[in-house]
Amino acid sequence: MDIDTLTLGDIEDIENYAGLSFSDIGEDKPGVSKLRTALVWVLKRKEDSTFTIENARNMTPDELSKIFEDTPLKK
């Protein structure tokens, strides 16, 4: 998964779901888990259009870590 493929609409979807700015993704603050869940949802739906937010919510922390290892966040 490539974070550089996110469109403005993707980022808007992420922010709307999480209620936080996309720039907060690397912060250690309340609500960032929801932001990361939304990021996984949007990235995975690019590969599989049937991937839902519920699928993302059901992922384990290890699965989430693997995705973020494979998808470095650029600042």
C-alpha atoms as a PDB file:
ATOM      1  CA  MET A   1       0.000   0.000   0.000  1.00  0.00           C
ATOM      2  CA  ASP A   2       1.281   3.415  -0.890  1.00  0.00           C
ATOM      3  CA  ILE A   3       0.186   6.403   1.151  1.00  0.00           C
ATOM      4  CA  ASP A   4       1.187   8.641  -1.758  1.00  0.00           C
ATOM      5  CA  THR A   5      -1.830   7.316  -3.681  1.00  0.00           C
ATOM      6  CA  LEU A   6      -4.290   8.933  -1.267  1.00  0.00           C
ATOM      7  CA  THR A   7      -6.540  11.420  -2.977  1.00  0.00           C
ATOM      8  CA  LEU A   8      -7.977  14.522  -1.358  1.00  0.00           C
ATOM      9  CA  GLY A   9     -11.271  12.638  -1.162  1.00  0.00           C
ATOM     10  CA  ASP A  10      -9.544   9.784   0.652  1.00  0.00           C
ATOM     11  CA  ILE A  11      -8.063  12.193   3.176  1.00  0.00           C
ATOM     12  CA  GLU A  12     -11.462  13.817   3.614  1.00  0.00           C
ATOM     13  CA  ASP A  13     -13.029  10.393   4.281  1.00  0.00           C
ATOM     14  CA  ILE A  14     -10.364   9.678   6.889  1.00  0.00           C
ATOM     15  CA  GLU A  15     -10.817  13.034   8.616  1.00  0.00           C
ATOM     16  CA  ASN A  16     -14.622  12.792   8.521  1.00  0.00           C
ATOM     17  CA  TYR A  17     -14.590   9.360  10.137  1.00  0.00           C
ATOM     18  CA  ALA A  18     -12.013  10.239  12.778  1.00  0.00           C
ATOM     19  CA  GLY A  19     -12.959  13.821  13.512  1.00  0.00           C
ATOM     20  CA  LEU A  20      -9.276  14.725  13.460  1.00  0.00           C
ATOM     21  CA  SER A  21      -6.889  16.292  10.996  1.00  0.00           C
ATOM     22  CA  PHE A  22      -4.893  13.840   8.873  1.00  0.00           C
ATOM     23  CA  SER A  23      -1.738  15.580  10.115  1.00  0.00           C
ATOM     24  CA  ASP A  24      -2.470  14.160  13.597  1.00  0.00           C
ATOM     25  CA  ILE A  25      -1.823  10.587  12.373  1.00  0.00           C
ATOM     26  CA  GLY A  26       1.589  10.313  14.055  1.00  0.00           C
ATOM     27  CA  GLU A  27       0.592  12.076  17.265  1.00  0.00           C
ATOM     28  CA  ASP A  28       0.001  10.388  20.597  1.00  0.00           C
ATOM     29  CA  LYS A  29      -3.326  11.949  21.486  1.00  0.00           C
ATOM     30  CA  PRO A  30      -6.926  10.908  22.161  1.00  0.00           C
ATOM     31  CA  GLY A  31      -8.792   9.812  19.052  1.00  0.00           C
ATOM     32  CA  VAL A  32      -5.760   8.936  16.967  1.00  0.00           C
ATOM     33  CA  SER A  33      -6.736   5.246  16.981  1.00  0.00           C
ATOM     34  CA  LYS A  34      -9.864   6.156  15.043  1.00  0.00           C
ATOM     35  CA  LEU A  35      -7.711   8.147  12.616  1.00  0.00           C
ATOM     36  CA  ARG A  36      -5.419   5.166  12.081  1.00  0.00           C
ATOM     37  CA  THR A  37      -8.410   2.841  11.628  1.00  0.00           C
ATOM     38  CA  ALA A  38      -9.744   5.165   8.936  1.00  0.00           C
ATOM     39  CA  LEU A  39      -6.352   5.284   7.220  1.00  0.00           C
ATOM     40  CA  VAL A  40      -6.197   1.487   7.086  1.00  0.00           C
ATOM     41  CA  TRP A  41      -9.767   1.380   5.742  1.00  0.00           C
ATOM     42  CA  VAL A  42      -9.000   3.833   2.931  1.00  0.00           C
ATOM     43  CA  LEU A  43      -5.682   2.203   2.002  1.00  0.00           C
ATOM     44  CA  LYS A  44      -7.127  -1.321   1.991  1.00  0.00           C
ATOM     45  CA  ARG A  45     -10.237  -0.330   0.004  1.00  0.00           C
ATOM     46  CA  LYS A  46      -7.903   0.800  -2.798  1.00  0.00           C
ATOM     47  CA  GLU A  47      -6.853  -2.859  -3.099  1.00  0.00           C
ATOM     48  CA  ASP A  48     -10.265  -4.358  -2.321  1.00  0.00           C
ATOM     49  CA  SER A  49     -13.384  -2.255  -2.889  1.00  0.00           C
ATOM     50  CA  THR A  50     -15.358  -4.507  -0.528  1.00  0.00           C
ATOM     51  CA  PHE A  51     -13.089  -3.721   2.450  1.00  0.00           C
ATOM     52  CA  THR A  52     -15.174  -1.854   5.034  1.00  0.00           C
ATOM     53  CA  ILE A  53     -14.520   0.275   8.072  1.00  0.00           C
ATOM     54  CA  GLU A  54     -15.735  -2.692  10.129  1.00  0.00           C
ATOM     55  CA  ASN A  55     -13.043  -4.856   8.531  1.00  0.00           C
ATOM     56  CA  ALA A  56     -10.475  -2.271   9.603  1.00  0.00           C
ATOM     57  CA  ARG A  57     -11.925  -2.094  13.120  1.00  0.00           C
ATOM     58  CA  ASN A  58     -11.588  -5.875  13.450  1.00  0.00           C
ATOM     59  CA  MET A  59      -7.875  -5.909  12.680  1.00  0.00           C
ATOM     60  CA  THR A  60      -5.447  -6.712  15.478  1.00  0.00           C
ATOM     61  CA  PRO A  61      -2.713  -4.333  16.615  1.00  0.00           C
ATOM     62  CA  ASP A  62      -0.161  -6.684  15.001  1.00  0.00           C
ATOM     63  CA  GLU A  63      -1.962  -6.464  11.646  1.00  0.00           C
ATOM     64  CA  LEU A  64      -2.091  -2.680  11.972  1.00  0.00           C
ATOM     65  CA  SER A  65       1.629  -2.540  12.758  1.00  0.00           C
ATOM     66  CA  LYS A  66       2.410  -4.634   9.677  1.00  0.00           C
ATOM     67  CA  ILE A  67       0.455  -2.246   7.471  1.00  0.00           C
ATOM     68  CA  PHE A  68       2.259   0.777   8.887  1.00  0.00           C
ATOM     69  CA  GLU A  69       5.629  -0.973   8.511  1.00  0.00           C
ATOM     70  CA  ASP A  70       4.825  -1.487   4.832  1.00  0.00           C
ATOM     71  CA  THR A  71       3.390   2.034   4.441  1.00  0.00           C
ATOM     72  CA  PRO A  72       5.767   4.607   5.893  1.00  0.00           C
ATOM     73  CA  LEU A  73       4.177   7.954   6.680  1.00  0.00           C
ATOM     74  CA  LYS A  74       6.012  10.890   5.156  1.00  0.00           C
ATOM     75  CA  LYS A  75       6.078  14.289   6.795  1.00  0.00           C
END
